[in-house]
Amino acid sequence: MSTQTLEQRVESLERRVTILEELPAKVDRLSTEISQLRTEMRAEFSAMREESQTRDADTRRVLREEIRANRDALSAQMRTLHEEVIARIAVIQERSARRRRKAR
């Protein structure tokens, strides 16, 4: 048998019952806190997703602008090089024509 007195055993059981009686209220509070946490997390994830989409859109816009600017610069360089090549070909043809005239 137990070495505790009946009075000690009853007091111990009363403490346990008191603790168990408090348990449903604690579970309810915890449930409420979890629900609030889920609501906050859902809002934060939504905000993060929206911010990410905004950044992605901004990045795409900046890249399109950079590509457009680089394409325009490249086109200008290509035009310049094309004109230089045409001019060089004209010079070469002119020299070639002079040489042919001299050779006659």
N, C-alpha and C. Protein backbone atom coordinates (compact mmCIF):
# COMPACT_ATOMS: atom_id res chain seq x y z
N MET A 1 0.82 -1.19 0.00
CA MET A 1 0.00 0.00 0.00
C MET A 1 0.86 1.24 0.00
N SER A 2 0.20 2.37 -0.22
CA SER A 2 0.91 3.63 -0.29
C SER A 2 1.24 4.10 1.11
N THR A 3 2.39 4.79 1.20
CA THR A 3 2.80 5.31 2.50
C THR A 3 2.19 6.67 2.77
N GLN A 4 1.49 7.23 1.76
CA GLN A 4 0.85 8.53 1.94
C GLN A 4 -0.42 8.35 2.78
N THR A 5 -0.70 9.39 3.49
CA THR A 5 -1.93 9.36 4.26
C THR A 5 -3.09 9.63 3.31
N LEU A 6 -4.25 9.30 3.77
CA LEU A 6 -5.45 9.52 2.96
C LEU A 6 -5.61 11.00 2.65
N GLU A 7 -5.31 11.85 3.60
CA GLU A 7 -5.41 13.29 3.41
C GLU A 7 -4.45 13.77 2.32
N GLN A 8 -3.21 13.27 2.32
CA GLN A 8 -2.21 13.64 1.31
C GLN A 8 -2.66 13.17 -0.08
N ARG A 9 -3.21 11.99 -0.13
CA ARG A 9 -3.68 11.43 -1.40
C ARG A 9 -4.84 12.26 -1.95
N VAL A 10 -5.76 12.68 -1.07
CA VAL A 10 -6.89 13.48 -1.50
C VAL A 10 -6.40 14.84 -2.00
N GLU A 11 -5.46 15.46 -1.28
CA GLU A 11 -4.91 16.75 -1.70
C GLU A 11 -4.22 16.63 -3.06
N SER A 12 -3.48 15.56 -3.25
CA SER A 12 -2.80 15.32 -4.52
C SER A 12 -3.82 15.16 -5.64
N LEU A 13 -4.88 14.41 -5.40
CA LEU A 13 -5.92 14.23 -6.40
C LEU A 13 -6.64 15.55 -6.68
N GLU A 14 -6.87 16.36 -5.67
CA GLU A 14 -7.52 17.66 -5.87
C GLU A 14 -6.67 18.56 -6.76
N ARG A 15 -5.34 18.56 -6.51
CA ARG A 15 -4.43 19.36 -7.36
C ARG A 15 -4.50 18.88 -8.82
N ARG A 16 -4.48 17.58 -9.00
CA ARG A 16 -4.54 17.01 -10.35
C ARG A 16 -5.86 17.37 -11.03
N VAL A 17 -6.94 17.27 -10.31
CA VAL A 17 -8.25 17.60 -10.87
C VAL A 17 -8.30 19.08 -11.23
N THR A 18 -7.75 19.93 -10.35
CA THR A 18 -7.72 21.36 -10.64
C THR A 18 -6.95 21.62 -11.93
N ILE A 19 -5.80 21.00 -12.06
CA ILE A 19 -4.98 21.15 -13.27
C ILE A 19 -5.76 20.66 -14.49
N LEU A 20 -6.41 19.52 -14.37
CA LEU A 20 -7.18 18.97 -15.49
C LEU A 20 -8.38 19.85 -15.83
N GLU A 21 -8.98 20.47 -14.82
CA GLU A 21 -10.12 21.35 -15.07
C GLU A 21 -9.68 22.61 -15.84
N GLU A 22 -8.43 23.05 -15.64
CA GLU A 22 -7.91 24.23 -16.33
C GLU A 22 -7.52 23.92 -17.77
N LEU A 23 -7.33 22.65 -18.07
CA LEU A 23 -6.83 22.22 -19.37
C LEU A 23 -7.74 22.66 -20.54
N PRO A 24 -9.05 22.48 -20.50
CA PRO A 24 -9.87 22.91 -21.65
C PRO A 24 -9.73 24.39 -21.96
N ALA A 25 -9.66 25.24 -20.95
CA ALA A 25 -9.49 26.68 -21.19
C ALA A 25 -8.15 26.95 -21.84
N LYS A 26 -7.11 26.25 -21.40
CA LYS A 26 -5.78 26.42 -22.01
C LYS A 26 -5.80 25.96 -23.46
N VAL A 27 -6.46 24.87 -23.73
CA VAL A 27 -6.55 24.36 -25.10
C VAL A 27 -7.32 25.36 -25.97
N ASP A 28 -8.40 25.93 -25.43
CA ASP A 28 -9.16 26.95 -26.18
C ASP A 28 -8.29 28.16 -26.50
N ARG A 29 -7.53 28.64 -25.51
CA ARG A 29 -6.64 29.79 -25.75
C ARG A 29 -5.60 29.45 -26.80
N LEU A 30 -5.04 28.26 -26.69
CA LEU A 30 -4.04 27.82 -27.67
C LEU A 30 -4.65 27.74 -29.06
N SER A 31 -5.86 27.22 -29.14
CA SER A 31 -6.55 27.12 -30.43
C SER A 31 -6.77 28.51 -31.02
N THR A 32 -7.16 29.47 -30.19
CA THR A 32 -7.36 30.84 -30.64
C THR A 32 -6.04 31.44 -31.13
N GLU A 33 -4.98 31.22 -30.37
CA GLU A 33 -3.67 31.75 -30.77
C GLU A 33 -3.21 31.14 -32.10
N ILE A 34 -3.44 29.85 -32.26
CA ILE A 34 -3.05 29.19 -33.52
C ILE A 34 -3.86 29.76 -34.68
N SER A 35 -5.14 29.98 -34.44
CA SER A 35 -5.99 30.56 -35.48
C SER A 35 -5.50 31.97 -35.85
N GLN A 36 -5.16 32.76 -34.85
CA GLN A 36 -4.63 34.11 -35.12
C GLN A 36 -3.31 34.03 -35.87
N LEU A 37 -2.46 33.09 -35.46
CA LEU A 37 -1.17 32.92 -36.13
C LEU A 37 -1.38 32.55 -37.61
N ARG A 38 -2.32 31.65 -37.87
CA ARG A 38 -2.60 31.26 -39.25
C ARG A 38 -3.08 32.45 -40.07
N THR A 39 -3.95 33.26 -39.46
CA THR A 39 -4.46 34.44 -40.16
C THR A 39 -3.31 35.41 -40.47
N GLU A 40 -2.45 35.64 -39.48
CA GLU A 40 -1.31 36.54 -39.69
C GLU A 40 -0.36 36.00 -40.74
N MET A 41 -0.08 34.69 -40.65
CA MET A 41 0.84 34.09 -41.62
C MET A 41 0.27 34.15 -43.04
N ARG A 42 -1.03 33.89 -43.16
CA ARG A 42 -1.66 33.95 -44.47
C ARG A 42 -1.53 35.36 -45.05
N ALA A 43 -1.76 36.36 -44.21
CA ALA A 43 -1.64 37.76 -44.67
C ALA A 43 -0.20 38.08 -45.05
N GLU A 44 0.75 37.63 -44.24
CA GLU A 44 2.16 37.89 -44.54
C GLU A 44 2.60 37.20 -45.82
N PHE A 45 2.21 35.93 -46.00
CA PHE A 45 2.57 35.22 -47.22
C PHE A 45 1.95 35.89 -48.44
N SER A 46 0.72 36.34 -48.29
CA SER A 46 0.07 37.03 -49.39
C SER A 46 0.82 38.32 -49.73
N ALA A 47 1.22 39.05 -48.71
CA ALA A 47 1.97 40.30 -48.93
C ALA A 47 3.31 39.99 -49.59
N MET A 48 3.98 38.93 -49.13
CA MET A 48 5.27 38.56 -49.73
C MET A 48 5.08 38.16 -51.19
N ARG A 49 4.04 37.41 -51.47
CA ARG A 49 3.78 36.98 -52.85
C ARG A 49 3.52 38.20 -53.74
N GLU A 50 2.73 39.13 -53.22
CA GLU A 50 2.43 40.34 -53.99
C GLU A 50 3.69 41.17 -54.22
N GLU A 51 4.52 41.29 -53.18
CA GLU A 51 5.76 42.04 -53.30
C GLU A 51 6.69 41.37 -54.31
N SER A 52 6.74 40.05 -54.27
CA SER A 52 7.58 39.31 -55.20
C SER A 52 7.10 39.51 -56.64
N GLN A 53 5.79 39.49 -56.84
CA GLN A 53 5.25 39.69 -58.18
C GLN A 53 5.55 41.11 -58.66
N THR A 54 5.46 42.08 -57.76
CA THR A 54 5.76 43.46 -58.12
C THR A 54 7.23 43.60 -58.51
N ARG A 55 8.11 42.98 -57.71
CA ARG A 55 9.55 43.03 -58.04
C ARG A 55 9.82 42.35 -59.37
N ASP A 56 9.17 41.21 -59.61
CA ASP A 56 9.35 40.51 -60.89
C ASP A 56 8.92 41.40 -62.05
N ALA A 57 7.79 42.05 -61.89
CA ALA A 57 7.29 42.93 -62.96
C ALA A 57 8.26 44.09 -63.17
N ASP A 58 8.78 44.65 -62.07
CA ASP A 58 9.74 45.75 -62.19
C ASP A 58 11.01 45.27 -62.89
N THR A 59 11.47 44.09 -62.52
CA THR A 59 12.69 43.53 -63.13
C THR A 59 12.47 43.32 -64.63
N ARG A 60 11.33 42.76 -64.98
CA ARG A 60 11.04 42.55 -66.40
C ARG A 60 11.01 43.88 -67.16
N ARG A 61 10.39 44.89 -66.55
CA ARG A 61 10.30 46.21 -67.19
C ARG A 61 11.69 46.79 -67.41
N VAL A 62 12.54 46.71 -66.37
CA VAL A 62 13.90 47.25 -66.47
C VAL A 62 14.68 46.49 -67.54
N LEU A 63 14.55 45.18 -67.54
CA LEU A 63 15.27 44.38 -68.55
C LEU A 63 14.79 44.71 -69.96
N ARG A 64 13.47 44.87 -70.14
CA ARG A 64 12.97 45.25 -71.47
C ARG A 64 13.55 46.59 -71.90
N GLU A 65 13.60 47.55 -70.98
CA GLU A 65 14.15 48.86 -71.31
C GLU A 65 15.63 48.75 -71.66
N GLU A 66 16.38 47.96 -70.89
CA GLU A 66 17.81 47.77 -71.17
C GLU A 66 18.01 47.10 -72.52
N ILE A 67 17.22 46.09 -72.79
CA ILE A 67 17.34 45.38 -74.08
C ILE A 67 17.03 46.34 -75.22
N ARG A 68 15.97 47.12 -75.06
CA ARG A 68 15.59 48.07 -76.10
C ARG A 68 16.72 49.08 -76.33
N ALA A 69 17.27 49.62 -75.22
CA ALA A 69 18.36 50.60 -75.34
C ALA A 69 19.59 49.96 -75.99
N ASN A 70 19.93 48.76 -75.57
CA ASN A 70 21.10 48.08 -76.15
C ASN A 70 20.86 47.74 -77.61
N ARG A 71 19.63 47.34 -77.93
CA ARG A 71 19.31 47.01 -79.32
C ARG A 71 19.44 48.25 -80.20
N ASP A 72 18.95 49.38 -79.69
CA ASP A 72 19.05 50.62 -80.47
C ASP A 72 20.51 51.03 -80.66
N ALA A 73 21.30 50.90 -79.59
CA ALA A 73 22.72 51.25 -79.69
C ALA A 73 23.42 50.30 -80.66
N LEU A 74 23.09 49.02 -80.58
CA LEU A 74 23.70 48.04 -81.47
C LEU A 74 23.30 48.31 -82.92
N SER A 75 22.05 48.66 -83.13
CA SER A 75 21.60 48.99 -84.50
C SER A 75 22.37 50.19 -85.04
N ALA A 76 22.58 51.19 -84.22
CA ALA A 76 23.33 52.37 -84.66
C ALA A 76 24.77 51.99 -85.00
N GLN A 77 25.38 51.16 -84.19
CA GLN A 77 26.75 50.71 -84.46
C GLN A 77 26.79 49.91 -85.75
N MET A 78 25.81 49.04 -85.94
CA MET A 78 25.78 48.23 -87.15
C MET A 78 25.62 49.10 -88.40
N ARG A 79 24.75 50.12 -88.31
CA ARG A 79 24.58 51.04 -89.43
C ARG A 79 25.90 51.74 -89.75
N THR A 80 26.58 52.22 -88.71
CA THR A 80 27.86 52.90 -88.89
C THR A 80 28.87 51.97 -89.55
N LEU A 81 28.97 50.73 -89.03
CA LEU A 81 29.91 49.77 -89.61
C LEU A 81 29.54 49.45 -91.05
N HIS A 82 28.26 49.31 -91.32
CA HIS A 82 27.81 49.03 -92.69
C HIS A 82 28.22 50.16 -93.63
N GLU A 83 28.00 51.39 -93.19
CA GLU A 83 28.38 52.55 -94.01
C GLU A 83 29.89 52.58 -94.22
N GLU A 84 30.65 52.23 -93.17
CA GLU A 84 32.12 52.20 -93.32
C GLU A 84 32.53 51.12 -94.32
N VAL A 85 31.90 49.97 -94.25
CA VAL A 85 32.24 48.88 -95.18
C VAL A 85 31.90 49.30 -96.61
N ILE A 86 30.74 49.89 -96.80
CA ILE A 86 30.35 50.36 -98.14
C ILE A 86 31.38 51.38 -98.65
N ALA A 87 31.79 52.30 -97.78
CA ALA A 87 32.78 53.31 -98.17
C ALA A 87 34.10 52.64 -98.52
N ARG A 88 34.54 51.67 -97.73
CA ARG A 88 35.79 50.97 -98.02
C ARG A 88 35.71 50.20 -99.33
N ILE A 89 34.57 49.56 -99.57
CA ILE A 89 34.40 48.84 -100.83
C ILE A 89 34.49 49.81 -102.00
N ALA A 90 33.88 50.97 -101.82
CA ALA A 90 33.94 51.98 -102.88
C ALA A 90 35.38 52.42 -103.13
N VAL A 91 36.13 52.60 -102.06
CA VAL A 91 37.54 53.00 -102.20
C VAL A 91 38.32 51.90 -102.90
N ILE A 92 38.09 50.66 -102.50
CA ILE A 92 38.80 49.52 -103.12
C ILE A 92 38.45 49.43 -104.60
N GLN A 93 37.16 49.58 -104.93
CA GLN A 93 36.76 49.52 -106.34
C GLN A 93 37.37 50.67 -107.14
N GLU A 94 37.45 51.83 -106.53
CA GLU A 94 38.03 52.98 -107.20
C GLU A 94 39.51 52.73 -107.48
N ARG A 95 40.24 52.21 -106.49
CA ARG A 95 41.67 51.90 -106.68
C ARG A 95 41.83 50.85 -107.76
N SER A 96 40.97 49.84 -107.70
CA SER A 96 41.05 48.77 -108.69
C SER A 96 40.80 49.32 -110.09
N ALA A 97 39.84 50.21 -110.23
CA ALA A 97 39.54 50.81 -111.54
C ALA A 97 40.73 51.63 -112.01
N ARG A 98 41.39 52.38 -111.11
CA ARG A 98 42.57 53.18 -111.50
C ARG A 98 43.69 52.27 -111.97
N ARG A 99 43.89 51.17 -111.26
CA ARG A 99 44.96 50.26 -111.64
C ARG A 99 44.69 49.66 -113.04
N ARG A 100 43.44 49.34 -113.28
CA ARG A 100 43.09 48.78 -114.59
C ARG A 100 43.32 49.81 -115.68
N ARG A 101 43.01 51.07 -115.40
CA ARG A 101 43.21 52.14 -116.39
C ARG A 101 44.70 52.34 -116.64
N LYS A 102 45.48 52.29 -115.57
CA LYS A 102 46.93 52.46 -115.73
C LYS A 102 47.54 51.29 -116.50
N ALA A 103 47.01 50.12 -116.26
CA ALA A 103 47.56 48.93 -116.89
C ALA A 103 47.25 48.88 -118.39
N ARG A 104 46.34 49.61 -118.88
CA ARG A 104 45.99 49.60 -120.30
C ARG A 104 46.94 50.34 -121.13
